[in-house]
Protein backbone atom coordinates (compact mmCIF):
# COMPACT_ATOMS: atom_id res chain seq x y z
CA UNK A 1 -13.27 159.04 -1.93
CA UNK A 2 -11.04 161.01 -4.57
CA UNK A 3 -10.93 163.85 -4.62
CA UNK A 4 -11.50 164.81 -0.57
CA UNK A 5 -9.24 167.30 1.73
CA UNK A 6 -9.21 165.12 4.46
CA UNK A 7 -9.05 166.88 8.04
CA UNK A 8 -8.47 165.15 10.98
CA UNK A 9 -9.07 166.72 14.38
CA UNK A 10 -6.48 165.67 16.59
CA UNK A 11 -7.73 166.84 19.88
CA UNK A 12 -11.61 168.13 21.26
CA UNK A 13 -9.15 171.28 23.67
CA UNK A 14 -10.42 175.05 21.68
CA UNK A 15 -6.58 176.40 22.33
CA UNK A 16 -7.86 180.22 22.38
CA UNK A 17 -6.01 183.21 22.31
CA UNK A 18 -6.82 187.10 22.06
CA UNK A 19 -5.40 190.67 22.81
CA UNK A 20 -4.82 193.89 21.28
CA UNK A 21 -3.45 195.93 18.45
CA UNK A 22 -3.21 199.30 17.33
CA UNK A 23 -4.00 199.75 13.54
CA UNK A 24 -3.13 202.76 11.06
CA UNK A 25 -5.88 204.90 12.77
CA UNK A 26 -3.83 203.99 16.33
CA UNK A 27 -6.96 202.94 17.52
CA UNK A 28 -7.22 199.89 19.81
CA UNK A 29 -8.60 196.54 17.62
CA UNK A 30 -9.31 193.42 19.85
CA UNK A 31 -9.07 190.19 17.93
CA UNK A 32 -9.26 186.67 19.51
CA UNK A 33 -8.35 183.39 18.06
CA UNK A 34 -10.35 180.35 18.06
CA UNK A 35 -7.97 176.80 16.97
CA UNK A 36 -8.64 172.51 17.65
CA UNK A 37 -5.23 170.43 16.77
CA UNK A 38 -5.35 168.36 12.82
CA UNK A 39 -3.87 167.11 10.31
CA UNK A 40 -4.60 167.83 7.28
CA UNK A 41 -4.09 165.04 4.44
CA UNK A 42 -4.64 165.41 0.89
CA UNK A 43 -2.45 164.18 -2.91
CA UNK A 44 -0.71 161.17 -0.45
CA UNK A 45 0.66 164.13 2.24
CA UNK A 46 0.13 164.66 5.77
CA UNK A 47 -0.09 168.47 6.82
CA UNK A 48 -0.19 170.01 10.41
CA UNK A 49 -3.50 171.94 10.28
CA UNK A 50 -5.10 174.63 12.78
CA UNK A 51 -9.32 174.30 12.73
CA UNK A 52 -10.49 176.99 12.48
CA UNK A 53 -12.80 178.48 14.66
CA UNK A 54 -16.04 181.04 14.76
CA UNK A 55 -16.10 182.76 18.23
CA UNK A 56 -18.70 180.62 18.93
CA UNK A 57 -18.63 177.94 17.43
CA UNK A 58 -18.95 174.49 19.34
CA UNK A 59 -15.42 172.39 19.36
CA UNK A 60 -15.71 168.83 16.43
CA UNK A 61 -15.04 165.87 18.22
CA UNK A 62 -12.31 163.98 18.06
CA UNK A 63 -12.02 161.74 14.54
CA UNK A 64 -12.19 161.89 10.09
CA UNK A 65 -14.33 164.81 8.32
CA UNK A 66 -14.36 166.25 4.41
CA UNK A 67 -13.29 169.77 4.56
CA UNK A 68 -16.36 171.06 3.40
CA UNK A 69 -14.98 174.01 0.29
CA UNK A 70 -18.26 174.51 -1.27
CA UNK A 71 -19.00 175.84 2.88
CA UNK A 72 -16.20 177.84 3.15
CA UNK A 73 -15.75 179.68 -0.44
CA UNK A 74 -17.04 183.10 -0.15
CA UNK A 75 -17.48 185.79 -3.54
CA UNK A 76 -17.84 188.85 -3.57
CA UNK A 77 -16.71 190.62 -7.60
CA UNK A 78 -16.32 188.05 -9.18
CA UNK A 79 -13.34 187.15 -7.37
CA UNK A 80 -14.19 183.19 -4.56
CA UNK A 81 -11.97 182.88 -1.73
CA UNK A 82 -11.86 180.84 1.20
CA UNK A 83 -13.19 181.67 4.75
CA UNK A 84 -10.40 181.57 8.32
CA UNK A 85 -13.00 179.54 9.24
CA UNK A 86 -12.79 176.38 8.70
CA UNK A 87 -16.16 173.65 7.98
CA UNK A 88 -16.35 170.11 8.00
CA UNK A 89 -18.13 167.70 8.17
CA UNK A 90 -17.94 163.95 8.94
CA UNK A 91 -16.56 161.74 5.91
CA UNK A 92 -19.01 159.98 3.82
CA UNK A 93 -22.19 162.14 3.94
CA UNK A 94 -23.52 164.97 1.76
CA UNK A 95 -22.97 168.77 2.67
CA UNK A 96 -26.20 169.85 4.51
CA UNK A 97 -28.17 172.21 2.67
CA UNK A 98 -27.63 175.66 2.56
CA UNK A 99 -30.62 177.96 3.27
CA UNK A 100 -31.63 181.44 2.36
CA UNK A 101 -33.14 183.58 4.18
CA UNK A 102 -36.79 185.09 2.58
């Protein structure tokens, strides 16, 4: 298991918060955040980590996972960024294959 980013989900509870703010056009914008408490381990160090969930995404069960960086990658105009929503897969299981519509 070399070169993996291990994430341990510490709590199955989802911390959900929401609110609103004014954007540059002075319009009210609603937002919500959903996250679980976790720990990220890489390079021999452990860090507190928020497992961010998309709207409607079920909670991860407490346990150990691998951060699925490939599933989180987004490419726009040749620049790679990571989704703000966390994608985990159980340790030792292959990554699910992406499906294409068409």
